[in-house]
Structures are given as structure tokens and as C-alpha cells.
Amino acid sequence: MGGTKLLIVDDEKDLANLLVKRLSRKGYEVLSVGTAEDALALLKQHFFDIAIL
């Protein structure tokens, strides 16, 4: 899993924070945003292996 980058897009902050904490503990690099617009902006700057929408 080393180096696997995940993007979480969810407007429910509690759920997104839970996913970030759990997946980070498993060794993933995780970023989270609350809107599709924010996700698109991140995708212009970063590469992600997996997106959870």
C-alpha cells in the first residue's frame, strides 16, 4: 500500500473524517474535500490512485 493516494469527496464531514483516520492508519495517503468543485481543483494538482465519492 505504500504510496497509494486516496481522495475522499463527501459533504458529510464526520463520515469523511472517519474514513481519513481509518484509511490513514492502514498506511494510505488520504486527502478529503467536501465538494466536487474542490475535488476537481485537487485533481489538477495531484494524482490519486483511488477516489471515494
N, C-alpha and C. Protein backbone atom coordinates (compact mmCIF):
# COMPACT_ATOMS: atom_id res chain seq x y z
N MET A 1 0.82 -1.20 0.00
CA MET A 1 0.00 0.00 0.00
C MET A 1 0.86 1.26 0.00
N GLY A 2 2.12 1.14 0.26
CA GLY A 2 2.97 2.30 0.39
C GLY A 2 2.83 3.25 -0.79
N GLY A 3 2.47 4.48 -0.51
CA GLY A 3 2.36 5.48 -1.54
C GLY A 3 1.02 5.54 -2.23
N THR A 4 0.08 4.70 -1.89
CA THR A 4 -1.24 4.74 -2.51
C THR A 4 -1.98 5.97 -2.01
N LYS A 5 -2.42 6.81 -2.96
CA LYS A 5 -3.09 8.06 -2.61
C LYS A 5 -4.59 7.94 -2.87
N LEU A 6 -5.37 8.32 -1.87
CA LEU A 6 -6.82 8.28 -1.97
C LEU A 6 -7.40 9.68 -1.85
N LEU A 7 -8.45 9.92 -2.59
CA LEU A 7 -9.21 11.15 -2.49
C LEU A 7 -10.61 10.79 -2.02
N ILE A 8 -11.05 11.44 -0.96
CA ILE A 8 -12.40 11.24 -0.45
C ILE A 8 -13.19 12.52 -0.71
N VAL A 9 -14.34 12.37 -1.36
CA VAL A 9 -15.22 13.51 -1.63
C VAL A 9 -16.55 13.22 -0.96
N ASP A 10 -16.83 13.97 0.10
CA ASP A 10 -18.08 13.76 0.84
C ASP A 10 -18.42 15.05 1.58
N ASP A 11 -19.68 15.45 1.49
CA ASP A 11 -20.10 16.68 2.17
C ASP A 11 -20.45 16.45 3.64
N GLU A 12 -20.45 15.19 4.06
CA GLU A 12 -20.67 14.89 5.48
C GLU A 12 -19.32 14.78 6.17
N LYS A 13 -18.94 15.85 6.87
CA LYS A 13 -17.59 15.94 7.44
C LYS A 13 -17.27 14.82 8.41
N ASP A 14 -18.23 14.41 9.22
CA ASP A 14 -17.97 13.34 10.20
C ASP A 14 -17.58 12.04 9.50
N LEU A 15 -18.31 11.69 8.47
CA LEU A 15 -18.00 10.46 7.73
C LEU A 15 -16.65 10.59 7.03
N ALA A 16 -16.40 11.72 6.40
CA ALA A 16 -15.14 11.92 5.71
C ALA A 16 -13.97 11.84 6.69
N ASN A 17 -14.11 12.46 7.85
CA ASN A 17 -13.04 12.42 8.86
C ASN A 17 -12.80 10.99 9.35
N LEU A 18 -13.86 10.23 9.55
CA LEU A 18 -13.73 8.84 9.96
C LEU A 18 -12.95 8.04 8.91
N LEU A 19 -13.31 8.21 7.65
CA LEU A 19 -12.62 7.50 6.59
C LEU A 19 -11.15 7.90 6.50
N VAL A 20 -10.87 9.18 6.65
CA VAL A 20 -9.49 9.65 6.61
C VAL A 20 -8.68 9.00 7.73
N LYS A 21 -9.21 9.00 8.94
CA LYS A 21 -8.50 8.42 10.08
C LYS A 21 -8.26 6.93 9.88
N ARG A 22 -9.30 6.20 9.50
CA ARG A 22 -9.17 4.75 9.35
C ARG A 22 -8.21 4.37 8.22
N LEU A 23 -8.35 5.03 7.10
CA LEU A 23 -7.51 4.68 5.95
C LEU A 23 -6.06 5.13 6.16
N SER A 24 -5.87 6.24 6.83
CA SER A 24 -4.51 6.71 7.13
C SER A 24 -3.80 5.70 8.03
N ARG A 25 -4.52 5.16 9.01
CA ARG A 25 -3.94 4.15 9.90
C ARG A 25 -3.52 2.89 9.14
N LYS A 26 -4.18 2.63 8.03
CA LYS A 26 -3.85 1.46 7.21
C LYS A 26 -2.67 1.74 6.27
N GLY A 27 -2.16 2.97 6.29
CA GLY A 27 -0.98 3.30 5.50
C GLY A 27 -1.24 4.05 4.21
N TYR A 28 -2.47 4.41 3.95
CA TYR A 28 -2.78 5.18 2.76
C TYR A 28 -2.52 6.66 2.99
N GLU A 29 -2.19 7.37 1.92
CA GLU A 29 -2.12 8.83 1.96
C GLU A 29 -3.50 9.32 1.52
N VAL A 30 -4.20 10.04 2.40
CA VAL A 30 -5.59 10.38 2.16
C VAL A 30 -5.81 11.89 2.22
N LEU A 31 -6.51 12.41 1.22
CA LEU A 31 -6.97 13.78 1.24
C LEU A 31 -8.49 13.76 1.13
N SER A 32 -9.13 14.75 1.74
CA SER A 32 -10.58 14.79 1.76
C SER A 32 -11.06 16.20 1.41
N VAL A 33 -12.11 16.26 0.61
CA VAL A 33 -12.77 17.52 0.28
C VAL A 33 -14.28 17.33 0.38
N GLY A 34 -14.99 18.45 0.44
CA GLY A 34 -16.42 18.39 0.64
C GLY A 34 -17.27 18.61 -0.60
N THR A 35 -16.64 19.05 -1.69
CA THR A 35 -17.44 19.33 -2.90
C THR A 35 -16.74 18.80 -4.15
N ALA A 36 -17.53 18.61 -5.19
CA ALA A 36 -16.97 18.16 -6.47
C ALA A 36 -16.03 19.21 -7.05
N GLU A 37 -16.36 20.48 -6.85
CA GLU A 37 -15.50 21.55 -7.36
C GLU A 37 -14.12 21.50 -6.71
N ASP A 38 -14.09 21.26 -5.39
CA ASP A 38 -12.82 21.16 -4.68
C ASP A 38 -12.05 19.93 -5.16
N ALA A 39 -12.76 18.85 -5.43
CA ALA A 39 -12.12 17.63 -5.92
C ALA A 39 -11.48 17.88 -7.28
N LEU A 40 -12.18 18.56 -8.16
CA LEU A 40 -11.64 18.86 -9.49
C LEU A 40 -10.39 19.73 -9.39
N ALA A 41 -10.39 20.68 -8.47
CA ALA A 41 -9.22 21.53 -8.28
C ALA A 41 -8.03 20.70 -7.80
N LEU A 42 -8.26 19.77 -6.88
CA LEU A 42 -7.19 18.90 -6.40
C LEU A 42 -6.66 17.99 -7.49
N LEU A 43 -7.56 17.50 -8.33
CA LEU A 43 -7.15 16.60 -9.41
C LEU A 43 -6.25 17.30 -10.43
N LYS A 44 -6.33 18.60 -10.51
CA LYS A 44 -5.44 19.35 -11.40
C LYS A 44 -4.03 19.44 -10.83
N GLN A 45 -3.90 19.25 -9.50
CA GLN A 45 -2.62 19.41 -8.83
C GLN A 45 -1.99 18.09 -8.40
N HIS A 46 -2.81 17.05 -8.20
CA HIS A 46 -2.33 15.80 -7.64
C HIS A 46 -2.86 14.62 -8.44
N PHE A 47 -2.13 13.50 -8.35
CA PHE A 47 -2.60 12.24 -8.91
C PHE A 47 -3.11 11.37 -7.76
N PHE A 48 -4.25 10.75 -7.93
CA PHE A 48 -4.81 9.84 -6.92
C PHE A 48 -5.01 8.47 -7.55
N ASP A 49 -4.70 7.45 -6.77
CA ASP A 49 -4.90 6.08 -7.24
C ASP A 49 -6.36 5.67 -7.14
N ILE A 50 -7.04 6.19 -6.10
CA ILE A 50 -8.43 5.81 -5.83
C ILE A 50 -9.20 7.05 -5.37
N ALA A 51 -10.45 7.17 -5.82
CA ALA A 51 -11.34 8.22 -5.33
C ALA A 51 -12.58 7.54 -4.75
N ILE A 52 -12.96 7.99 -3.56
CA ILE A 52 -14.18 7.51 -2.92
C ILE A 52 -15.15 8.68 -2.94
N LEU A 53 -16.25 8.50 -3.65
CA LEU A 53 -17.21 9.59 -3.83
C LEU A 53 -18.52 9.27 -3.15
